[in-house]
PDB file of all heavy atoms in Angstrom:
ATOM      1  N   SER A   1      15.027  32.390   0.663  1.00  0.00           N
ATOM      2  CA  SER A   1      15.485  33.332  -0.344  1.00  0.00           C
ATOM      3  C   SER A   1      16.133  32.567  -1.493  1.00  0.00           C
ATOM      4  O   SER A   1      16.467  31.388  -1.369  1.00  0.00           O
ATOM      5  CB  SER A   1      16.468  34.332   0.244  1.00  0.00           C
ATOM      6  OG  SER A   1      17.670  33.694   0.648  1.00  0.00           O
ATOM      7  N   GLY A   2      16.295  33.245  -2.611  1.00  0.00           N
ATOM      8  CA  GLY A   2      16.952  32.651  -3.758  1.00  0.00           C
ATOM      9  C   GLY A   2      16.037  31.896  -4.701  1.00  0.00           C
ATOM     10  O   GLY A   2      16.487  31.467  -5.765  1.00  0.00           O
ATOM     11  N   GLY A   3      14.776  31.713  -4.340  1.00  0.00           N
ATOM     12  CA  GLY A   3      13.833  31.033  -5.201  1.00  0.00           C
ATOM     13  C   GLY A   3      14.059  29.547  -5.353  1.00  0.00           C
ATOM     14  O   GLY A   3      13.508  28.925  -6.269  1.00  0.00           O
ATOM     15  N   ARG A   4      14.837  28.950  -4.481  1.00  0.00           N
ATOM     16  CA  ARG A   4      15.128  27.519  -4.579  1.00  0.00           C
ATOM     17  C   ARG A   4      13.945  26.694  -4.100  1.00  0.00           C
ATOM     18  O   ARG A   4      13.359  26.974  -3.059  1.00  0.00           O
ATOM     19  CB  ARG A   4      16.362  27.175  -3.761  1.00  0.00           C
ATOM     20  CG  ARG A   4      17.660  27.772  -4.289  1.00  0.00           C
ATOM     21  CD  ARG A   4      18.806  27.506  -3.332  1.00  0.00           C
ATOM     22  NE  ARG A   4      18.586  28.165  -2.055  1.00  0.00           N
ATOM     23  CZ  ARG A   4      19.355  28.005  -0.984  1.00  0.00           C
ATOM     24  NH1 ARG A   4      20.401  27.188  -1.046  1.00  0.00           N
ATOM     25  NH2 ARG A   4      19.087  28.652   0.137  1.00  0.00           N
ATOM     26  N   THR A   5      13.601  25.660  -4.864  1.00  0.00           N
ATOM     27  CA  THR A   5      12.551  24.725  -4.499  1.00  0.00           C
ATOM     28  C   THR A   5      13.040  23.309  -4.719  1.00  0.00           C
ATOM     29  O   THR A   5      13.985  23.064  -5.475  1.00  0.00           O
ATOM     30  CB  THR A   5      11.268  24.951  -5.309  1.00  0.00           C
ATOM     31  OG1 THR A   5      11.562  24.825  -6.709  1.00  0.00           O
ATOM     32  CG2 THR A   5      10.695  26.338  -5.044  1.00  0.00           C
ATOM     33  N   ASN A   6      12.378  22.362  -4.066  1.00  0.00           N
ATOM     34  CA  ASN A   6      12.709  20.956  -4.197  1.00  0.00           C
ATOM     35  C   ASN A   6      11.412  20.159  -4.102  1.00  0.00           C
ATOM     36  O   ASN A   6      10.556  20.473  -3.272  1.00  0.00           O
ATOM     37  CB  ASN A   6      13.686  20.523  -3.106  1.00  0.00           C
ATOM     38  CG  ASN A   6      14.258  19.145  -3.342  1.00  0.00           C
ATOM     39  OD1 ASN A   6      14.341  18.681  -4.470  1.00  0.00           O
ATOM     40  ND2 ASN A   6      14.671  18.483  -2.266  1.00  0.00           N
ATOM     41  N   TYR A   7      11.276  19.133  -4.958  1.00  0.00           N
ATOM     42  CA  TYR A   7      10.059  18.338  -5.000  1.00  0.00           C
ATOM     43  C   TYR A   7      10.382  16.861  -5.006  1.00  0.00           C
ATOM     44  O   TYR A   7      11.394  16.428  -5.562  1.00  0.00           O
ATOM     45  CB  TYR A   7       9.242  18.646  -6.257  1.00  0.00           C
ATOM     46  CG  TYR A   7       8.716  20.052  -6.332  1.00  0.00           C
ATOM     47  CD1 TYR A   7       9.429  21.050  -6.989  1.00  0.00           C
ATOM     48  CD2 TYR A   7       7.497  20.384  -5.754  1.00  0.00           C
ATOM     49  CE1 TYR A   7       8.950  22.347  -7.061  1.00  0.00           C
ATOM     50  CE2 TYR A   7       7.009  21.674  -5.824  1.00  0.00           C
ATOM     51  CZ  TYR A   7       7.735  22.650  -6.480  1.00  0.00           C
ATOM     52  OH  TYR A   7       7.245  23.933  -6.547  1.00  0.00           O
ATOM     53  N   ALA A   8       9.496  16.089  -4.393  1.00  0.00           N
ATOM     54  CA  ALA A   8       9.590  14.651  -4.511  1.00  0.00           C
ATOM     55  C   ALA A   8       9.299  14.238  -5.949  1.00  0.00           C
ATOM     56  O   ALA A   8       8.495  14.868  -6.641  1.00  0.00           O
ATOM     57  CB  ALA A   8       8.603  13.976  -3.564  1.00  0.00           C
ATOM     58  N   ASP A   9       9.953  13.165  -6.410  1.00  0.00           N
ATOM     59  CA  ASP A   9       9.741  12.710  -7.779  1.00  0.00           C
ATOM     60  C   ASP A   9       8.272  12.402  -8.055  1.00  0.00           C
ATOM     61  O   ASP A   9       7.788  12.604  -9.171  1.00  0.00           O
ATOM     62  CB  ASP A   9      10.590  11.470  -8.061  1.00  0.00           C
ATOM     63  CG  ASP A   9      12.068  11.788  -8.154  1.00  0.00           C
ATOM     64  OD1 ASP A   9      12.415  12.963  -8.361  1.00  0.00           O
ATOM     65  OD2 ASP A   9      12.878  10.851  -8.024  1.00  0.00           O
ATOM     66  N   SER A  10       7.558  11.929  -7.063  1.00  0.00           N
ATOM     67  CA  SER A  10       6.180  11.526  -7.248  1.00  0.00           C
ATOM     68  C   SER A  10       5.231  12.690  -7.531  1.00  0.00           C
ATOM     69  O   SER A  10       4.121  12.468  -8.020  1.00  0.00           O
ATOM     70  CB  SER A  10       5.683  10.754  -6.020  1.00  0.00           C
ATOM     71  OG  SER A  10       5.764  11.557  -4.856  1.00  0.00           O
ATOM     72  N   VAL A  11       5.652  13.931  -7.228  1.00  0.00           N
ATOM     73  CA  VAL A  11       4.771  15.082  -7.418  1.00  0.00           C
ATOM     74  C   VAL A  11       5.320  16.100  -8.399  1.00  0.00           C
ATOM     75  O   VAL A  11       4.632  17.090  -8.700  1.00  0.00           O
ATOM     76  CB  VAL A  11       4.456  15.779  -6.079  1.00  0.00           C
ATOM     77  CG1 VAL A  11       3.895  14.791  -5.076  1.00  0.00           C
ATOM     78  CG2 VAL A  11       5.694  16.475  -5.520  1.00  0.00           C
ATOM     79  N   LYS A  12       6.514  15.902  -8.920  1.00  0.00           N
ATOM     80  CA  LYS A  12       7.103  16.849  -9.870  1.00  0.00           C
ATOM     81  C   LYS A  12       6.204  17.013 -11.085  1.00  0.00           C
ATOM     82  O   LYS A  12       5.709  16.048 -11.646  1.00  0.00           O
ATOM     83  CB  LYS A  12       8.483  16.374 -10.308  1.00  0.00           C
ATOM     84  CG  LYS A  12       9.565  16.538  -9.264  1.00  0.00           C
ATOM     85  CD  LYS A  12      10.918  16.071  -9.791  1.00  0.00           C
ATOM     86  CE  LYS A  12      12.004  16.253  -8.751  1.00  0.00           C
ATOM     87  NZ  LYS A  12      13.318  15.749  -9.229  1.00  0.00           N
ATOM     88  N   GLY A  13       6.002  18.264 -11.475  1.00  0.00           N
ATOM     89  CA  GLY A  13       5.148  18.564 -12.605  1.00  0.00           C
ATOM     90  C   GLY A  13       3.684  18.670 -12.272  1.00  0.00           C
ATOM     91  O   GLY A  13       2.892  19.119 -13.111  1.00  0.00           O
ATOM     92  N   ARG A  14       3.295  18.263 -11.069  1.00  0.00           N
ATOM     93  CA  ARG A  14       1.894  18.324 -10.646  1.00  0.00           C
ATOM     94  C   ARG A  14       1.672  19.282  -9.481  1.00  0.00           C
ATOM     95  O   ARG A  14       0.639  19.943  -9.419  1.00  0.00           O
ATOM     96  CB  ARG A  14       1.384  16.933 -10.262  1.00  0.00           C
ATOM     97  CG  ARG A  14       1.440  15.912 -11.390  1.00  0.00           C
ATOM     98  CD  ARG A  14       0.714  14.627 -11.004  1.00  0.00           C
ATOM     99  NE  ARG A  14       1.328  13.976  -9.843  1.00  0.00           N
ATOM    100  CZ  ARG A  14       0.700  13.743  -8.695  1.00  0.00           C
ATOM    101  NH1 ARG A  14      -0.572  14.101  -8.545  1.00  0.00           N
ATOM    102  NH2 ARG A  14       1.326  13.137  -7.693  1.00  0.00           N
ATOM    103  N   PHE A  15       2.620  19.335  -8.545  1.00  0.00           N
ATOM    104  CA  PHE A  15       2.487  20.163  -7.351  1.00  0.00           C
ATOM    105  C   PHE A  15       3.420  21.366  -7.440  1.00  0.00           C
ATOM    106  O   PHE A  15       4.516  21.281  -8.014  1.00  0.00           O
ATOM    107  CB  PHE A  15       2.840  19.372  -6.089  1.00  0.00           C
ATOM    108  CG  PHE A  15       1.854  18.297  -5.706  1.00  0.00           C
ATOM    109  CD1 PHE A  15       0.841  17.903  -6.562  1.00  0.00           C
ATOM    110  CD2 PHE A  15       1.959  17.680  -4.477  1.00  0.00           C
ATOM    111  CE1 PHE A  15      -0.057  16.917  -6.209  1.00  0.00           C
ATOM    112  CE2 PHE A  15       1.071  16.691  -4.105  1.00  0.00           C
ATOM    113  CZ  PHE A  15       0.056  16.306  -4.970  1.00  0.00           C
ATOM    114  N   THR A  16       3.017  22.483  -6.832  1.00  0.00           N
ATOM    115  CA  THR A  16       3.835  23.685  -6.791  1.00  0.00           C
ATOM    116  C   THR A  16       3.773  24.302  -5.399  1.00  0.00           C
ATOM    117  O   THR A  16       2.681  24.578  -4.897  1.00  0.00           O
ATOM    118  CB  THR A  16       3.369  24.723  -7.821  1.00  0.00           C
ATOM    119  OG1 THR A  16       3.399  24.157  -9.133  1.00  0.00           O
ATOM    120  CG2 THR A  16       4.286  25.945  -7.792  1.00  0.00           C
ATOM    121  N   ILE A  17       4.933  24.516  -4.791  1.00  0.00           N
ATOM    122  CA  ILE A  17       5.003  25.205  -3.508  1.00  0.00           C
ATOM    123  C   ILE A  17       5.274  26.675  -3.759  1.00  0.00           C
ATOM    124  O   ILE A  17       6.059  27.030  -4.639  1.00  0.00           O
ATOM    125  CB  ILE A  17       6.076  24.583  -2.594  1.00  0.00           C
ATOM    126  CG1 ILE A  17       6.037  25.227  -1.200  1.00  0.00           C
ATOM    127  CG2 ILE A  17       7.458  24.690  -3.206  1.00  0.00           C
ATOM    128  CD1 ILE A  17       6.954  24.546  -0.187  1.00  0.00           C
ATOM    129  N   SER A  18       4.621  27.535  -3.006  1.00  0.00           N
ATOM    130  CA  SER A  18       4.821  28.970  -3.135  1.00  0.00           C
ATOM    131  C   SER A  18       4.610  29.625  -1.781  1.00  0.00           C
ATOM    132  O   SER A  18       4.134  28.988  -0.835  1.00  0.00           O
ATOM    133  CB  SER A  18       3.872  29.569  -4.185  1.00  0.00           C
ATOM    134  OG  SER A  18       2.519  29.398  -3.799  1.00  0.00           O
ATOM    135  N   ARG A  19       4.972  30.892  -1.697  1.00  0.00           N
ATOM    136  CA  ARG A  19       4.810  31.606  -0.433  1.00  0.00           C
ATOM    137  C   ARG A  19       4.450  33.056  -0.699  1.00  0.00           C
ATOM    138  O   ARG A  19       4.851  33.644  -1.702  1.00  0.00           O
ATOM    139  CB  ARG A  19       6.085  31.512   0.416  1.00  0.00           C
ATOM    140  CG  ARG A  19       7.312  32.174  -0.202  1.00  0.00           C
ATOM    141  CD  ARG A  19       8.583  31.719   0.486  1.00  0.00           C
ATOM    142  NE  ARG A  19       8.575  31.997   1.911  1.00  0.00           N
ATOM    143  CZ  ARG A  19       9.396  31.440   2.803  1.00  0.00           C
ATOM    144  NH1 ARG A  19      10.288  30.548   2.393  1.00  0.00           N
ATOM    145  NH2 ARG A  19       9.315  31.769   4.088  1.00  0.00           N
ATOM    146  N   ASP A  20       3.693  33.626   0.210  1.00  0.00           N
ATOM    147  CA  ASP A  20       3.329  35.033   0.186  1.00  0.00           C
ATOM    148  C   ASP A  20       3.722  35.589   1.548  1.00  0.00           C
ATOM    149  O   ASP A  20       2.972  35.464   2.515  1.00  0.00           O
ATOM    150  CB  ASP A  20       1.843  35.216  -0.088  1.00  0.00           C
ATOM    151  CG  ASP A  20       1.453  36.667  -0.298  1.00  0.00           C
ATOM    152  OD1 ASP A  20       2.165  37.562   0.181  1.00  0.00           O
ATOM    153  OD2 ASP A  20       0.420  36.911  -0.955  1.00  0.00           O
ATOM    154  N   ASN A  21       4.896  36.190   1.617  1.00  0.00           N
ATOM    155  CA  ASN A  21       5.393  36.672   2.897  1.00  0.00           C
ATOM    156  C   ASN A  21       4.537  37.800   3.468  1.00  0.00           C
ATOM    157  O   ASN A  21       4.435  37.947   4.688  1.00  0.00           O
ATOM    158  CB  ASN A  21       6.844  37.140   2.752  1.00  0.00           C
ATOM    159  CG  ASN A  21       7.807  35.987   2.571  1.00  0.00           C
ATOM    160  OD1 ASN A  21       7.533  34.859   2.971  1.00  0.00           O
ATOM    161  ND2 ASN A  21       8.954  36.262   1.971  1.00  0.00           N
ATOM    162  N   ALA A  22       3.916  38.601   2.602  1.00  0.00           N
ATOM    163  CA  ALA A  22       3.045  39.665   3.073  1.00  0.00           C
ATOM    164  C   ALA A  22       1.856  39.112   3.833  1.00  0.00           C
ATOM    165  O   ALA A  22       1.362  39.742   4.773  1.00  0.00           O
ATOM    166  CB  ALA A  22       2.580  40.528   1.908  1.00  0.00           C
ATOM    167  N   LYS A  23       1.377  37.934   3.437  1.00  0.00           N
ATOM    168  CA  LYS A  23       0.256  37.288   4.106  1.00  0.00           C
ATOM    169  C   LYS A  23       0.709  36.261   5.133  1.00  0.00           C
ATOM    170  O   LYS A  23      -0.126  35.634   5.788  1.00  0.00           O
ATOM    171  CB  LYS A  23      -0.654  36.616   3.081  1.00  0.00           C
ATOM    172  CG  LYS A  23      -1.306  37.582   2.112  1.00  0.00           C
ATOM    173  CD  LYS A  23      -2.213  36.849   1.134  1.00  0.00           C
ATOM    174  CE  LYS A  23      -2.893  37.818   0.188  1.00  0.00           C
ATOM    175  NZ  LYS A  23      -3.765  37.107  -0.786  1.00  0.00           N
ATOM    176  N   ASN A  24       2.024  36.059   5.247  1.00  0.00           N
ATOM    177  CA  ASN A  24       2.581  35.098   6.195  1.00  0.00           C
ATOM    178  C   ASN A  24       1.994  33.706   5.964  1.00  0.00           C
ATOM    179  O   ASN A  24       1.635  32.998   6.917  1.00  0.00           O
ATOM    180  CB  ASN A  24       2.332  35.552   7.635  1.00  0.00           C
ATOM    181  CG  ASN A  24       3.499  35.235   8.555  1.00  0.00           C
ATOM    182  OD1 ASN A  24       4.648  35.177   8.132  1.00  0.00           O
ATOM    183  ND2 ASN A  24       3.200  35.031   9.836  1.00  0.00           N
ATOM    184  N   THR A  25       1.921  33.318   4.697  1.00  0.00           N
ATOM    185  CA  THR A  25       1.253  32.083   4.307  1.00  0.00           C
ATOM    186  C   THR A  25       2.070  31.349   3.246  1.00  0.00           C
ATOM    187  O   THR A  25       2.668  31.974   2.366  1.00  0.00           O
ATOM    188  CB  THR A  25      -0.157  32.368   3.770  1.00  0.00           C
ATOM    189  OG1 THR A  25      -0.922  33.027   4.787  1.00  0.00           O
ATOM    190  CG2 THR A  25      -0.864  31.083   3.378  1.00  0.00           C
ATOM    191  N   VAL A  26       2.075  30.023   3.333  1.00  0.00           N
ATOM    192  CA  VAL A  26       2.703  29.149   2.350  1.00  0.00           C
ATOM    193  C   VAL A  26       1.613  28.299   1.714  1.00  0.00           C
ATOM    194  O   VAL A  26       0.651  27.904   2.384  1.00  0.00           O
ATOM    195  CB  VAL A  26       3.781  28.269   2.997  1.00  0.00           C
ATOM    196  CG1 VAL A  26       4.397  27.331   1.977  1.00  0.00           C
ATOM    197  CG2 VAL A  26       4.856  29.132   3.627  1.00  0.00           C
ATOM    198  N   TYR A  27       1.769  28.001   0.423  1.00  0.00           N
ATOM    199  CA  TYR A  27       0.754  27.273  -0.318  1.00  0.00           C
ATOM    200  C   TYR A  27       1.341  26.025  -0.967  1.00  0.00           C
ATOM    201  O   TYR A  27       2.541  25.938  -1.235  1.00  0.00           O
ATOM    202  CB  TYR A  27       0.145  28.143  -1.421  1.00  0.00           C
ATOM    203  CG  TYR A  27      -0.435  29.444  -0.934  1.00  0.00           C
ATOM    204  CD1 TYR A  27       0.310  30.621  -0.992  1.00  0.00           C
ATOM    205  CD2 TYR A  27      -1.717  29.501  -0.415  1.00  0.00           C
ATOM    206  CE1 TYR A  27      -0.211  31.814  -0.546  1.00  0.00           C
ATOM    207  CE2 TYR A  27      -2.252  30.696   0.037  1.00  0.00           C
ATOM    208  CZ  TYR A  27      -1.499  31.849  -0.030  1.00  0.00           C
ATOM    209  OH  TYR A  27      -2.028  33.034   0.419  1.00  0.00           O
ATOM    210  N   LEU A  28       0.464  25.071  -1.230  1.00  0.00           N
ATOM    211  CA  LEU A  28       0.805  23.915  -2.038  1.00  0.00           C
ATOM    212  C   LEU A  28      -0.324  23.711  -3.038  1.00  0.00           C
ATOM    213  O   LEU A  28      -1.413  23.271  -2.667  1.00  0.00           O
ATOM    214  CB  LEU A  28       0.998  22.661  -1.187  1.00  0.00           C
ATOM    215  CG  LEU A  28       1.435  21.411  -1.952  1.00  0.00           C
ATOM    216  CD1 LEU A  28       2.858  21.592  -2.489  1.00  0.00           C
ATOM    217  CD2 LEU A  28       1.353  20.170  -1.074  1.00  0.00           C
ATOM    218  N   GLN A  29      -0.057  24.055  -4.291  1.00  0.00           N
ATOM    219  CA  GLN A  29      -1.021  23.839  -5.361  1.00  0.00           C
ATOM    220  C   GLN A  29      -0.861  22.422  -5.875  1.00  0.00           C
ATOM    221  O   GLN A  29       0.225  22.039  -6.308  1.00  0.00           O
ATOM    222  CB  GLN A  29      -0.805  24.839  -6.498  1.00  0.00           C
ATOM    223  CG  GLN A  29      -1.746  24.661  -7.679  1.00  0.00           C
ATOM    224  CD  GLN A  29      -3.182  24.970  -7.333  1.00  0.00           C
ATOM    225  OE1 GLN A  29      -3.457  25.971  -6.679  1.00  0.00           O
ATOM    226  NE2 GLN A  29      -4.100  24.113  -7.749  1.00  0.00           N
ATOM    227  N   MET A  30      -1.931  21.641  -5.843  1.00  0.00           N
ATOM    228  CA  MET A  30      -1.897  20.238  -6.228  1.00  0.00           C
ATOM    229  C   MET A  30      -2.832  20.036  -7.414  1.00  0.00           C
ATOM    230  O   MET A  30      -4.051  20.170  -7.281  1.00  0.00           O
ATOM    231  CB  MET A  30      -2.306  19.339  -5.065  1.00  0.00           C
ATOM    232  CG  MET A  30      -1.486  19.561  -3.799  1.00  0.00           C
ATOM    233  SD  MET A  30      -1.908  18.398  -2.475  1.00  0.00           S
ATOM    234  CE  MET A  30      -3.603  18.911  -2.155  1.00  0.00           C
ATOM    235  N   ASN A  31      -2.261  19.720  -8.568  1.00  0.00           N
ATOM    236  CA  ASN A  31      -3.022  19.477  -9.780  1.00  0.00           C
ATOM    237  C   ASN A  31      -2.929  18.007 -10.176  1.00  0.00           C
ATOM    238  O   ASN A  31      -2.031  17.286  -9.746  1.00  0.00           O
ATOM    239  CB  ASN A  31      -2.505  20.348 -10.926  1.00  0.00           C
ATOM    240  CG  ASN A  31      -2.659  21.826 -10.661  1.00  0.00           C
ATOM    241  OD1 ASN A  31      -3.609  22.255 -10.007  1.00  0.00           O
ATOM    242  ND2 ASN A  31      -1.736  22.625 -11.185  1.00  0.00           N
ATOM    243  N   SER A  32      -3.847  17.581 -11.022  1.00  0.00           N
ATOM    244  CA  SER A  32      -3.864  16.200 -11.523  1.00  0.00           C
ATOM    245  C   SER A  32      -3.740  15.199 -10.389  1.00  0.00           C
ATOM    246  O   SER A  32      -2.932  14.266 -10.434  1.00  0.00           O
ATOM    247  CB  SER A  32      -2.741  15.997 -12.549  1.00  0.00           C
ATOM    248  OG  SER A  32      -2.872  16.890 -13.637  1.00  0.00           O
ATOM    249  N   LEU A  33      -4.548  15.368  -9.379  1.00  0.00           N
ATOM    250  CA  LEU A  33      -4.459  14.524  -8.194  1.00  0.00           C
ATOM    251  C   LEU A  33      -4.767  13.068  -8.519  1.00  0.00           C
ATOM    252  O   LEU A  33      -5.616  12.769  -9.367  1.00  0.00           O
ATOM    253  CB  LEU A  33      -5.400  15.031  -7.113  1.00  0.00           C
ATOM    254  CG  LEU A  33      -4.901  16.278  -6.374  1.00  0.00           C
ATOM    255  CD1 LEU A  33      -6.033  16.952  -5.619  1.00  0.00           C
ATOM    256  CD2 LEU A  33      -3.778  15.900  -5.418  1.00  0.00           C
ATOM    257  N   LYS A  34      -4.066  12.188  -7.826  1.00  0.00           N
ATOM    258  CA  LYS A  34      -4.207  10.752  -7.991  1.00  0.00           C
ATOM    259  C   LYS A  34      -4.635  10.128  -6.668  1.00  0.00           C
ATOM    260  O   LYS A  34      -4.377  10.687  -5.607  1.00  0.00           O
ATOM    261  CB  LYS A  34      -2.874  10.131  -8.435  1.00  0.00           C
ATOM    262  CG  LYS A  34      -2.278  10.730  -9.692  1.00  0.00           C
ATOM    263  CD  LYS A  34      -0.905  10.140  -9.965  1.00  0.00           C
ATOM    264  CE  LYS A  34      -0.275  10.736 -11.202  1.00  0.00           C
ATOM    265  NZ  LYS A  34       1.072  10.165 -11.459  1.00  0.00           N
ATOM    266  N   PRO A  35      -5.259   8.952  -6.714  1.00  0.00           N
ATOM    267  CA  PRO A  35      -5.633   8.290  -5.460  1.00  0.00           C
ATOM    268  C   PRO A  35      -4.451   8.092  -4.514  1.00  0.00           C
ATOM    269  O   PRO A  35      -4.628   8.173  -3.292  1.00  0.00           O
ATOM    270  CB  PRO A  35      -6.209   6.954  -5.928  1.00  0.00           C
ATOM    271  CG  PRO A  35      -6.764   7.258  -7.278  1.00  0.00           C
ATOM    272  CD  PRO A  35      -5.797   8.241  -7.884  1.00  0.00           C
ATOM    273  N   GLU A  36      -3.255   7.868  -5.045  1.00  0.00           N
ATOM    274  CA  GLU A  36      -2.084   7.680  -4.203  1.00  0.00           C
ATOM    275  C   GLU A  36      -1.629   8.958  -3.505  1.00  0.00           C
ATOM    276  O   GLU A  36      -0.734   8.917  -2.657  1.00  0.00           O
ATOM    277  CB  GLU A  36      -0.918   7.081  -5.003  1.00  0.00           C
ATOM    278  CG  GLU A  36      -0.636   7.801  -6.306  1.00  0.00           C
ATOM    279  CD  GLU A  36      -1.287   7.127  -7.503  1.00  0.00           C
ATOM    280  OE1 GLU A  36      -2.473   6.761  -7.405  1.00  0.00           O
ATOM    281  OE2 GLU A  36      -0.605   6.963  -8.535  1.00  0.00           O
ATOM    282  N   ASP A  37      -2.227  10.110  -3.839  1.00  0.00           N
ATOM    283  CA  ASP A  37      -1.952  11.352  -3.128  1.00  0.00           C
ATOM    284  C   ASP A  37      -2.758  11.470  -1.838  1.00  0.00           C
ATOM    285  O   ASP A  37      -2.544  12.415  -1.076  1.00  0.00           O
ATOM    286  CB  ASP A  37      -2.260  12.562  -4.012  1.00  0.00           C
ATOM    287  CG  ASP A  37      -1.358  12.653  -5.229  1.00  0.00           C
ATOM    288  OD1 ASP A  37      -0.140  12.392  -5.090  1.00  0.00           O
ATOM    289  OD2 ASP A  37      -1.857  12.993  -6.316  1.00  0.00           O
ATOM    290  N   THR A  38      -3.667  10.552  -1.604  1.00  0.00           N
ATOM    291  CA  THR A  38      -4.482  10.581  -0.396  1.00  0.00           C
ATOM    292  C   THR A  38      -3.597  10.487   0.834  1.00  0.00           C
ATOM    293  O   THR A  38      -2.818   9.546   0.980  1.00  0.00           O
ATOM    294  CB  THR A  38      -5.496   9.435  -0.405  1.00  0.00           C
ATOM    295  OG1 THR A  38      -6.412   9.614  -1.492  1.00  0.00           O
ATOM    296  CG2 THR A  38      -6.274   9.395   0.899  1.00  0.00           C
ATOM    297  N   ALA A  39      -3.700  11.473   1.724  1.00  0.00           N
ATOM    298  CA  ALA A  39      -2.854  11.531   2.911  1.00  0.00           C
ATOM    299  C   ALA A  39      -3.240  12.742   3.742  1.00  0.00           C
ATOM    300  O   ALA A  39      -4.010  13.598   3.301  1.00  0.00           O
ATOM    301  CB  ALA A  39      -1.374  11.625   2.519  1.00  0.00           C
ATOM    302  N   VAL A  40      -2.688  12.812   4.942  1.00  0.00           N
ATOM    303  CA  VAL A  40      -2.725  14.030   5.731  1.00  0.00           C
ATOM    304  C   VAL A  40      -1.480  14.832   5.371  1.00  0.00           C
ATOM    305  O   VAL A  40      -0.364  14.307   5.423  1.00  0.00           O
ATOM    306  CB  VAL A  40      -2.759  13.746   7.240  1.00  0.00           C
ATOM    307  CG1 VAL A  40      -2.726  15.051   8.032  1.00  0.00           C
ATOM    308  CG2 VAL A  40      -4.006  12.947   7.602  1.00  0.00           C
ATOM    309  N   TYR A  41      -1.664  16.093   5.015  1.00  0.00           N
ATOM    310  CA  TYR A  41      -0.569  16.959   4.592  1.00  0.00           C
ATOM    311  C   TYR A  41      -0.218  17.936   5.702  1.00  0.00           C
ATOM    312  O   TYR A  41      -1.093  18.578   6.286  1.00  0.00           O
ATOM    313  CB  TYR A  41      -0.954  17.727   3.328  1.00  0.00           C
ATOM    314  CG  TYR A  41      -0.931  16.877   2.082  1.00  0.00           C
ATOM    315  CD1 TYR A  41      -1.903  15.906   1.868  1.00  0.00           C
ATOM    316  CD2 TYR A  41       0.068  17.028   1.125  1.00  0.00           C
ATOM    317  CE1 TYR A  41      -1.880  15.105   0.740  1.00  0.00           C
ATOM    318  CE2 TYR A  41       0.098  16.239  -0.008  1.00  0.00           C
ATOM    319  CZ  TYR A  41      -0.876  15.279  -0.199  1.00  0.00           C
ATOM    320  OH  TYR A  41      -0.849  14.491  -1.329  1.00  0.00           O
TER     321      TYR A  41
END
């Protein structure tokens, strides 16, 4: 609650976390992806 979010410096401005409680789902929108973003999430 409260709309508070926190991001790692490496993804600020590129990634966005959001949630849809009605769908019981959380999302991570990843834009401007870089090779260094390669990982298991």
